């Protein structure tokens, strides 16, 4: 016990409880918001062959894909997914992308074969909930050009 500050441990305990309560409140609020939205079926790309010279480090990517989308006005966001070809589940899903930024999305191709997908997020009851997004996936393009373009690069 610190004799100079006898209530220090009580203060730390109170801060920890308040922080935990705030976190739980925030998570509850996010959960209730998600109860009012839906995710569309996934528009899937063809299988792209990996680049044997690429590593998980983005600086070694030489090719990528550009996704172009036409989105309905009531879409709230877009998520991008990827997986090893024909895997039953998607490996990862991006954070939601604002619809204004999702009209063109750039994705790099690493060293493994890959399949990409996109889905929209909308309010429950929207026609977008049951409609596969209108997305086109380009042929492989030089990654350096895609990286310098105005296309959005999603965060996974």
N, C-alpha and C. Protein backbone atom coordinates (compact mmCIF):
# COMPACT_ATOMS: atom_id res chain seq x y z
N UNK A 1 0.84 -1.18 0.00
CA UNK A 1 0.00 0.00 0.00
C UNK A 1 0.88 1.24 0.00
N UNK A 2 0.51 2.19 -0.76
CA UNK A 2 1.25 3.42 -0.87
C UNK A 2 0.73 4.38 0.19
N UNK A 3 1.57 4.71 1.21
CA UNK A 3 1.13 5.56 2.31
C UNK A 3 0.90 7.00 1.86
N UNK A 4 1.61 7.42 0.85
CA UNK A 4 1.45 8.80 0.38
C UNK A 4 0.11 8.99 -0.33
N UNK A 5 -0.33 7.97 -1.07
CA UNK A 5 -1.60 8.02 -1.80
C UNK A 5 -2.43 6.80 -1.42
N UNK A 6 -3.08 6.80 -0.24
CA UNK A 6 -3.77 5.61 0.25
C UNK A 6 -4.96 5.19 -0.62
N UNK A 7 -5.56 6.08 -1.39
CA UNK A 7 -6.74 5.72 -2.20
C UNK A 7 -6.39 5.40 -3.65
N UNK A 8 -5.10 5.31 -3.99
CA UNK A 8 -4.67 5.08 -5.36
C UNK A 8 -5.25 3.78 -5.92
N UNK A 9 -5.20 2.69 -5.15
CA UNK A 9 -5.72 1.41 -5.63
C UNK A 9 -7.23 1.46 -5.83
N UNK A 10 -7.94 2.16 -4.95
CA UNK A 10 -9.38 2.31 -5.12
C UNK A 10 -9.70 3.07 -6.40
N UNK A 11 -8.90 4.11 -6.69
CA UNK A 11 -9.09 4.89 -7.90
C UNK A 11 -8.85 4.02 -9.13
N UNK A 12 -7.77 3.23 -9.13
CA UNK A 12 -7.48 2.34 -10.26
C UNK A 12 -8.62 1.35 -10.46
N UNK A 13 -9.13 0.80 -9.37
CA UNK A 13 -10.22 -0.16 -9.46
C UNK A 13 -11.47 0.50 -10.06
N UNK A 14 -11.76 1.72 -9.64
CA UNK A 14 -12.93 2.44 -10.15
C UNK A 14 -12.77 2.75 -11.63
N UNK A 15 -11.57 3.14 -12.05
CA UNK A 15 -11.31 3.43 -13.46
C UNK A 15 -11.48 2.16 -14.29
N UNK A 16 -10.98 1.04 -13.79
CA UNK A 16 -11.11 -0.23 -14.52
C UNK A 16 -12.57 -0.62 -14.67
N UNK A 17 -13.37 -0.46 -13.63
CA UNK A 17 -14.80 -0.79 -13.69
C UNK A 17 -15.51 0.15 -14.66
N UNK A 18 -15.21 1.43 -14.61
CA UNK A 18 -15.86 2.40 -15.51
C UNK A 18 -15.49 2.12 -16.97
N UNK A 19 -14.23 1.78 -17.22
CA UNK A 19 -13.79 1.46 -18.58
C UNK A 19 -14.50 0.22 -19.09
N UNK A 20 -14.60 -0.80 -18.25
CA UNK A 20 -15.30 -2.03 -18.63
C UNK A 20 -16.77 -1.76 -18.93
N UNK A 21 -17.41 -0.94 -18.12
CA UNK A 21 -18.83 -0.62 -18.34
C UNK A 21 -19.00 0.14 -19.65
N UNK A 22 -18.09 1.07 -19.94
CA UNK A 22 -18.17 1.82 -21.20
C UNK A 22 -18.00 0.89 -22.40
N UNK A 23 -17.05 -0.04 -22.30
CA UNK A 23 -16.83 -1.00 -23.38
C UNK A 23 -18.07 -1.86 -23.61
N UNK A 24 -18.68 -2.36 -22.54
CA UNK A 24 -19.89 -3.17 -22.68
C UNK A 24 -21.04 -2.38 -23.28
N UNK A 25 -21.17 -1.12 -22.88
CA UNK A 25 -22.22 -0.26 -23.43
C UNK A 25 -21.99 -0.04 -24.92
N UNK A 26 -20.75 0.21 -25.30
CA UNK A 26 -20.41 0.42 -26.71
C UNK A 26 -20.71 -0.84 -27.52
N UNK A 27 -20.31 -1.99 -27.02
CA UNK A 27 -20.57 -3.24 -27.74
C UNK A 27 -22.07 -3.51 -27.85
N UNK A 28 -22.81 -3.21 -26.83
CA UNK A 28 -24.26 -3.42 -26.88
C UNK A 28 -24.89 -2.50 -27.93
N UNK A 29 -24.40 -1.27 -28.00
CA UNK A 29 -24.94 -0.33 -28.98
C UNK A 29 -24.63 -0.81 -30.39
N UNK A 30 -23.41 -1.31 -30.61
CA UNK A 30 -23.06 -1.81 -31.95
C UNK A 30 -23.90 -3.03 -32.30
N UNK A 31 -24.13 -3.90 -31.34
CA UNK A 31 -24.93 -5.10 -31.61
C UNK A 31 -26.35 -4.74 -31.99
N UNK A 32 -26.94 -3.75 -31.32
CA UNK A 32 -28.32 -3.39 -31.65
C UNK A 32 -28.40 -2.74 -33.02
N UNK A 33 -27.34 -2.02 -33.42
CA UNK A 33 -27.34 -1.43 -34.75
C UNK A 33 -27.28 -2.53 -35.80
N UNK A 34 -26.47 -3.58 -35.58
CA UNK A 34 -26.34 -4.66 -36.53
C UNK A 34 -27.62 -5.48 -36.64
N UNK A 35 -28.45 -5.45 -35.63
CA UNK A 35 -29.72 -6.18 -35.69
C UNK A 35 -30.67 -5.55 -36.69
N UNK A 36 -30.37 -4.34 -37.15
CA UNK A 36 -31.23 -3.62 -38.07
C UNK A 36 -30.65 -3.57 -39.48
N UNK A 37 -29.58 -4.33 -39.70
CA UNK A 37 -28.97 -4.36 -41.03
C UNK A 37 -28.87 -5.80 -41.52
N UNK A 38 -28.57 -5.93 -42.81
CA UNK A 38 -28.41 -7.25 -43.41
C UNK A 38 -27.21 -7.19 -44.34
N UNK A 39 -26.71 -8.35 -44.69
CA UNK A 39 -25.63 -8.47 -45.66
C UNK A 39 -26.16 -9.25 -46.85
N UNK A 40 -25.88 -8.76 -48.04
CA UNK A 40 -26.37 -9.38 -49.27
C UNK A 40 -25.64 -10.70 -49.56
N UNK A 41 -26.14 -11.45 -50.54
CA UNK A 41 -25.35 -12.58 -51.04
C UNK A 41 -24.03 -12.03 -51.61
N UNK A 42 -23.02 -12.88 -51.68
CA UNK A 42 -21.69 -12.46 -52.13
C UNK A 42 -21.56 -12.61 -53.64
N UNK A 43 -21.07 -11.55 -54.30
CA UNK A 43 -20.68 -11.62 -55.71
C UNK A 43 -19.26 -12.16 -55.71
N UNK A 44 -19.02 -13.26 -56.39
CA UNK A 44 -17.72 -13.92 -56.35
C UNK A 44 -16.95 -13.74 -57.65
N UNK A 45 -15.65 -13.57 -57.52
CA UNK A 45 -14.76 -13.47 -58.68
C UNK A 45 -14.41 -14.87 -59.18
N UNK A 46 -13.75 -14.90 -60.29
CA UNK A 46 -13.15 -16.15 -60.74
C UNK A 46 -11.93 -16.42 -59.86
N UNK A 47 -11.26 -17.52 -60.06
CA UNK A 47 -10.04 -17.82 -59.32
C UNK A 47 -8.86 -17.13 -60.01
N UNK A 48 -8.07 -16.44 -59.21
CA UNK A 48 -6.85 -15.79 -59.71
C UNK A 48 -5.65 -16.60 -59.23
N UNK A 49 -4.70 -16.84 -60.15
CA UNK A 49 -3.50 -17.57 -59.80
C UNK A 49 -2.56 -16.67 -59.00
N UNK A 50 -1.97 -17.23 -57.97
CA UNK A 50 -1.05 -16.47 -57.13
C UNK A 50 0.24 -16.17 -57.86
N UNK A 51 0.97 -15.23 -57.33
CA UNK A 51 2.27 -14.83 -57.86
C UNK A 51 3.34 -15.49 -56.98
N UNK A 52 4.09 -16.47 -57.52
CA UNK A 52 5.07 -17.19 -56.70
C UNK A 52 6.14 -16.29 -56.09
N UNK A 53 6.40 -15.14 -56.69
CA UNK A 53 7.42 -14.23 -56.16
C UNK A 53 6.90 -13.36 -55.01
N UNK A 54 5.59 -13.30 -54.85
CA UNK A 54 5.00 -12.43 -53.82
C UNK A 54 5.10 -13.09 -52.45
N UNK A 55 5.14 -12.25 -51.43
CA UNK A 55 5.09 -12.72 -50.04
C UNK A 55 3.88 -12.06 -49.40
N UNK A 56 3.73 -12.25 -48.10
CA UNK A 56 2.62 -11.58 -47.41
C UNK A 56 2.87 -10.08 -47.29
N UNK A 57 4.10 -9.65 -47.54
CA UNK A 57 4.45 -8.23 -47.52
C UNK A 57 3.94 -7.58 -48.80
N UNK A 58 3.07 -6.61 -48.66
CA UNK A 58 2.43 -5.95 -49.79
C UNK A 58 3.45 -5.38 -50.79
N UNK A 59 4.65 -5.05 -50.34
CA UNK A 59 5.65 -4.45 -51.24
C UNK A 59 6.14 -5.42 -52.31
N UNK A 60 5.87 -6.71 -52.15
CA UNK A 60 6.32 -7.69 -53.15
C UNK A 60 5.23 -8.07 -54.14
N UNK A 61 4.04 -7.51 -53.98
CA UNK A 61 2.95 -7.84 -54.90
C UNK A 61 3.23 -7.22 -56.26
N UNK A 62 2.98 -7.98 -57.31
CA UNK A 62 3.18 -7.46 -58.66
C UNK A 62 1.86 -7.32 -59.41
N UNK A 63 0.84 -8.05 -58.99
CA UNK A 63 -0.45 -7.97 -59.69
C UNK A 63 -1.58 -7.74 -58.70
N UNK A 64 -2.69 -7.27 -59.23
CA UNK A 64 -3.87 -7.04 -58.42
C UNK A 64 -5.11 -7.04 -59.28
N UNK A 65 -6.23 -6.84 -58.64
CA UNK A 65 -7.53 -6.87 -59.31
C UNK A 65 -8.28 -5.58 -58.95
N UNK A 66 -9.00 -5.05 -59.91
CA UNK A 66 -9.85 -3.89 -59.67
C UNK A 66 -11.30 -4.34 -59.72
N UNK A 67 -12.03 -4.05 -58.65
CA UNK A 67 -13.46 -4.37 -58.59
C UNK A 67 -14.21 -3.07 -58.84
N UNK A 68 -15.13 -3.09 -59.79
CA UNK A 68 -15.98 -1.92 -60.05
C UNK A 68 -17.41 -2.32 -59.68
N UNK A 69 -18.08 -1.42 -58.95
CA UNK A 69 -19.42 -1.72 -58.46
C UNK A 69 -20.39 -0.60 -58.78
N UNK A 70 -21.63 -0.98 -59.05
CA UNK A 70 -22.74 -0.06 -59.14
C UNK A 70 -23.62 -0.38 -57.94
N UNK A 71 -23.83 0.60 -57.07
CA UNK A 71 -24.52 0.34 -55.81
C UNK A 71 -25.87 1.05 -55.76
N UNK A 72 -26.90 0.37 -55.24
CA UNK A 72 -28.18 1.03 -55.01
C UNK A 72 -28.03 2.14 -53.98
N UNK A 73 -28.90 3.12 -54.02
CA UNK A 73 -28.83 4.28 -53.13
C UNK A 73 -28.96 3.91 -51.66
N UNK A 74 -29.67 2.82 -51.34
CA UNK A 74 -29.91 2.50 -49.93
C UNK A 74 -28.84 1.62 -49.30
N UNK A 75 -27.74 1.35 -50.00
CA UNK A 75 -26.65 0.55 -49.44
C UNK A 75 -25.89 1.39 -48.42
N UNK A 76 -25.62 0.80 -47.26
CA UNK A 76 -24.93 1.50 -46.17
C UNK A 76 -23.43 1.25 -46.17
N UNK A 77 -22.99 0.17 -46.82
CA UNK A 77 -21.58 -0.17 -46.84
C UNK A 77 -21.32 -1.40 -47.70
N UNK A 78 -20.05 -1.69 -47.91
CA UNK A 78 -19.62 -2.84 -48.70
C UNK A 78 -18.52 -3.55 -47.92
N UNK A 79 -18.52 -4.87 -47.95
CA UNK A 79 -17.42 -5.65 -47.39
C UNK A 79 -16.79 -6.49 -48.48
N UNK A 80 -15.48 -6.68 -48.38
CA UNK A 80 -14.72 -7.48 -49.32
C UNK A 80 -14.26 -8.73 -48.60
N UNK A 81 -14.26 -9.85 -49.31
CA UNK A 81 -13.87 -11.12 -48.73
C UNK A 81 -12.84 -11.79 -49.64
N UNK A 82 -12.05 -12.69 -49.06
CA UNK A 82 -11.17 -13.51 -49.89
C UNK A 82 -11.03 -14.88 -49.27
N UNK A 83 -10.64 -15.84 -50.12
CA UNK A 83 -10.43 -17.21 -49.64
C UNK A 83 -9.59 -17.97 -50.66
N UNK A 84 -9.08 -19.10 -50.20
CA UNK A 84 -8.42 -20.03 -51.10
C UNK A 84 -9.53 -20.61 -51.98
N UNK A 85 -9.28 -20.79 -53.27
CA UNK A 85 -10.34 -21.25 -54.17
C UNK A 85 -11.07 -22.49 -53.65
N UNK A 86 -12.34 -22.44 -53.72
CA UNK A 86 -13.25 -23.53 -53.38
C UNK A 86 -13.26 -23.89 -51.89
N UNK A 87 -12.64 -23.07 -51.05
CA UNK A 87 -12.73 -23.29 -49.61
C UNK A 87 -14.17 -23.04 -49.20
N UNK A 88 -14.68 -23.79 -48.23
CA UNK A 88 -16.09 -23.62 -47.85
C UNK A 88 -16.38 -22.29 -47.17
N UNK A 89 -15.40 -21.70 -46.51
CA UNK A 89 -15.60 -20.45 -45.78
C UNK A 89 -14.64 -19.39 -46.30
N UNK A 90 -15.04 -18.14 -46.17
CA UNK A 90 -14.17 -17.03 -46.53
C UNK A 90 -13.09 -16.91 -45.46
N UNK A 91 -11.85 -16.67 -45.88
CA UNK A 91 -10.71 -16.56 -44.96
C UNK A 91 -10.83 -15.32 -44.09
N UNK A 92 -11.21 -14.21 -44.71
CA UNK A 92 -11.29 -12.95 -43.97
C UNK A 92 -12.28 -12.02 -44.65
N UNK A 93 -12.81 -11.10 -43.86
CA UNK A 93 -13.75 -10.09 -44.36
C UNK A 93 -13.24 -8.73 -43.94
N UNK A 94 -13.27 -7.78 -44.86
CA UNK A 94 -12.78 -6.44 -44.57
C UNK A 94 -13.72 -5.70 -43.62
N UNK A 95 -13.23 -4.60 -43.12
CA UNK A 95 -14.10 -3.68 -42.41
C UNK A 95 -15.02 -3.05 -43.45
N UNK A 96 -16.18 -2.59 -43.02
CA UNK A 96 -17.14 -1.99 -43.95
C UNK A 96 -16.55 -0.76 -44.62
N UNK A 97 -16.80 -0.65 -45.92
CA UNK A 97 -16.34 0.47 -46.72
C UNK A 97 -17.54 1.35 -47.04
N UNK A 98 -17.38 2.64 -46.88
CA UNK A 98 -18.44 3.59 -47.21
C UNK A 98 -18.83 3.41 -48.68
N UNK A 99 -20.13 3.43 -49.00
CA UNK A 99 -20.54 3.22 -50.40
C UNK A 99 -19.93 4.21 -51.38
N UNK A 100 -19.69 5.45 -50.94
CA UNK A 100 -19.08 6.44 -51.83
C UNK A 100 -17.64 6.07 -52.21
N UNK A 101 -16.99 5.28 -51.36
CA UNK A 101 -15.61 4.87 -51.61
C UNK A 101 -15.52 3.48 -52.23
N UNK A 102 -16.65 2.79 -52.36
CA UNK A 102 -16.64 1.39 -52.78
C UNK A 102 -16.94 1.19 -54.26
N UNK A 103 -17.01 2.25 -55.01
CA UNK A 103 -17.32 2.09 -56.44
C UNK A 103 -16.16 1.45 -57.19
N UNK A 104 -14.93 1.66 -56.72
CA UNK A 104 -13.74 1.01 -57.25
C UNK A 104 -12.88 0.57 -56.07
N UNK A 105 -12.55 -0.72 -56.05
CA UNK A 105 -11.78 -1.31 -54.96
C UNK A 105 -10.59 -2.05 -55.56
N UNK A 106 -9.39 -1.80 -55.04
CA UNK A 106 -8.17 -2.46 -55.51
C UNK A 106 -7.74 -3.53 -54.51
N UNK A 107 -7.45 -4.71 -55.01
CA UNK A 107 -6.99 -5.82 -54.18
C UNK A 107 -5.72 -6.42 -54.78
N UNK A 108 -4.72 -6.64 -53.96
CA UNK A 108 -3.48 -7.26 -54.42
C UNK A 108 -3.59 -8.77 -54.41
N UNK A 109 -2.79 -9.40 -55.26
CA UNK A 109 -2.74 -10.86 -55.31
C UNK A 109 -1.40 -11.31 -54.74
N UNK A 110 -1.46 -12.09 -53.68
CA UNK A 110 -0.25 -12.60 -53.04
C UNK A 110 0.27 -13.84 -53.75
N UNK A 111 0.96 -14.71 -53.01
CA UNK A 111 1.57 -15.87 -53.64
C UNK A 111 0.66 -17.09 -53.74
N UNK A 112 -0.51 -17.05 -53.16
CA UNK A 112 -1.43 -18.18 -53.25
C UNK A 112 -2.60 -17.88 -54.16
N UNK A 113 -3.15 -18.92 -54.78
CA UNK A 113 -4.35 -18.73 -55.59
C UNK A 113 -5.45 -18.18 -54.70
N UNK A 114 -6.30 -17.33 -55.27
CA UNK A 114 -7.27 -16.61 -54.45
C UNK A 114 -8.56 -16.38 -55.22
N UNK A 115 -9.64 -16.28 -54.46
CA UNK A 115 -10.94 -15.90 -54.99
C UNK A 115 -11.44 -14.75 -54.11
N UNK A 116 -11.97 -13.70 -54.76
CA UNK A 116 -12.47 -12.54 -54.03
C UNK A 116 -13.99 -12.52 -54.06
N UNK A 117 -14.59 -11.80 -53.12
CA UNK A 117 -16.03 -11.61 -53.10
C UNK A 117 -16.36 -10.27 -52.49
N UNK A 118 -17.53 -9.74 -52.87
CA UNK A 118 -18.03 -8.50 -52.27
C UNK A 118 -19.49 -8.68 -51.91
N UNK A 119 -19.88 -8.04 -50.82
CA UNK A 119 -21.28 -8.06 -50.37
C UNK A 119 -21.63 -6.66 -49.89
N UNK A 120 -22.90 -6.33 -49.97
CA UNK A 120 -23.36 -5.02 -49.51
C UNK A 120 -24.03 -5.16 -48.15
N UNK A 121 -24.06 -4.05 -47.43
CA UNK A 121 -24.75 -3.96 -46.14
C UNK A 121 -25.86 -2.93 -46.33
N UNK A 122 -27.06 -3.28 -45.90
CA UNK A 122 -28.21 -2.38 -46.05
C UNK A 122 -29.13 -2.54 -44.84
N UNK A 123 -30.11 -1.67 -44.74
CA UNK A 123 -31.12 -1.79 -43.67
C UNK A 123 -32.01 -2.99 -43.94
N UNK A 124 -32.43 -3.66 -42.88
CA UNK A 124 -33.37 -4.78 -43.04
C UNK A 124 -34.58 -4.32 -43.85
N UNK A 125 -35.03 -5.19 -44.72
CA UNK A 125 -36.19 -4.86 -45.56
C UNK A 125 -35.81 -4.28 -46.90
N UNK A 126 -34.56 -3.87 -47.05
CA UNK A 126 -34.11 -3.31 -48.32
C UNK A 126 -34.00 -4.43 -49.36
N UNK A 127 -34.25 -4.09 -50.62
CA UNK A 127 -34.07 -5.07 -51.71
C UNK A 127 -32.62 -5.51 -51.80
N UNK A 128 -31.67 -4.67 -51.36
CA UNK A 128 -30.25 -5.01 -51.40
C UNK A 128 -29.92 -6.20 -50.50
N UNK A 129 -30.78 -6.49 -49.52
CA UNK A 129 -30.53 -7.62 -48.61
C UNK A 129 -30.53 -8.95 -49.36
N UNK A 130 -31.29 -9.04 -50.43
CA UNK A 130 -31.44 -10.30 -51.15
C UNK A 130 -30.87 -10.26 -52.56
N UNK A 131 -30.15 -9.19 -52.88
CA UNK A 131 -29.64 -9.02 -54.24
C UNK A 131 -28.12 -9.09 -54.24
N UNK A 132 -27.58 -9.95 -55.09
CA UNK A 132 -26.13 -10.04 -55.24
C UNK A 132 -25.64 -8.73 -55.87
N UNK A 133 -24.59 -8.13 -55.32
CA UNK A 133 -24.11 -6.84 -55.84
C UNK A 133 -23.72 -6.93 -57.32
N UNK A 134 -23.90 -5.81 -58.01
CA UNK A 134 -23.49 -5.68 -59.39
C UNK A 134 -22.01 -5.30 -59.39
N UNK A 135 -21.14 -6.31 -59.49
CA UNK A 135 -19.70 -6.09 -59.40
C UNK A 135 -18.99 -6.76 -60.57
N UNK A 136 -17.99 -6.08 -61.09
CA UNK A 136 -17.14 -6.69 -62.12
C UNK A 136 -15.72 -6.74 -61.58
N UNK A 137 -15.05 -7.84 -61.85
CA UNK A 137 -13.69 -8.09 -61.39
C UNK A 137 -12.77 -8.08 -62.61
N UNK A 138 -11.73 -7.25 -62.59
CA UNK A 138 -10.84 -7.13 -63.74
C UNK A 138 -9.94 -8.35 -63.88
N UNK A 139 -9.28 -8.40 -65.02
CA UNK A 139 -8.18 -9.34 -65.20
C UNK A 139 -7.02 -8.80 -64.36
N UNK A 140 -6.04 -9.64 -64.02
CA UNK A 140 -4.90 -9.12 -63.23
C UNK A 140 -4.25 -7.91 -63.91
N UNK A 141 -3.94 -6.92 -63.09
CA UNK A 141 -3.32 -5.67 -63.54
C UNK A 141 -2.07 -5.43 -62.71
N UNK A 142 -1.15 -4.60 -63.18
CA UNK A 142 0.03 -4.28 -62.38
C UNK A 142 -0.38 -3.64 -61.04
N UNK A 143 0.08 -4.22 -59.94
CA UNK A 143 -0.28 -3.74 -58.61
C UNK A 143 0.18 -2.30 -58.39
N UNK A 144 1.35 -1.94 -58.88
CA UNK A 144 1.87 -0.58 -58.67
C UNK A 144 0.89 0.46 -59.23
N UNK A 145 0.28 0.16 -60.36
CA UNK A 145 -0.69 1.10 -60.95
C UNK A 145 -1.97 1.16 -60.12
N UNK A 146 -2.44 0.00 -59.67
CA UNK A 146 -3.66 -0.02 -58.84
C UNK A 146 -3.43 0.70 -57.51
N UNK A 147 -2.25 0.49 -56.95
CA UNK A 147 -1.93 1.10 -55.66
C UNK A 147 -1.89 2.63 -55.76
N UNK A 148 -1.51 3.15 -56.92
CA UNK A 148 -1.43 4.60 -57.13
C UNK A 148 -2.76 5.19 -57.60
N UNK A 149 -3.70 4.34 -57.96
CA UNK A 149 -4.99 4.83 -58.47
C UNK A 149 -5.85 5.38 -57.33
N UNK A 150 -7.00 5.90 -57.70
CA UNK A 150 -7.95 6.43 -56.71
C UNK A 150 -8.81 5.33 -56.08
N UNK A 151 -8.62 4.08 -56.51
CA UNK A 151 -9.42 2.97 -55.98
C UNK A 151 -9.15 2.77 -54.49
N UNK A 152 -10.19 2.40 -53.77
CA UNK A 152 -10.10 2.14 -52.33
C UNK A 152 -9.41 0.81 -52.08
N UNK A 153 -8.52 0.77 -51.10
CA UNK A 153 -7.91 -0.48 -50.66
C UNK A 153 -8.50 -0.80 -49.28
N UNK A 154 -9.24 -1.90 -49.19
CA UNK A 154 -9.93 -2.21 -47.92
C UNK A 154 -8.98 -2.58 -46.79
N UNK A 155 -9.46 -2.39 -45.57
CA UNK A 155 -8.73 -2.80 -44.36
C UNK A 155 -9.29 -4.12 -43.89
N UNK A 156 -8.41 -5.08 -43.71
CA UNK A 156 -8.83 -6.40 -43.19
C UNK A 156 -8.41 -6.51 -41.76
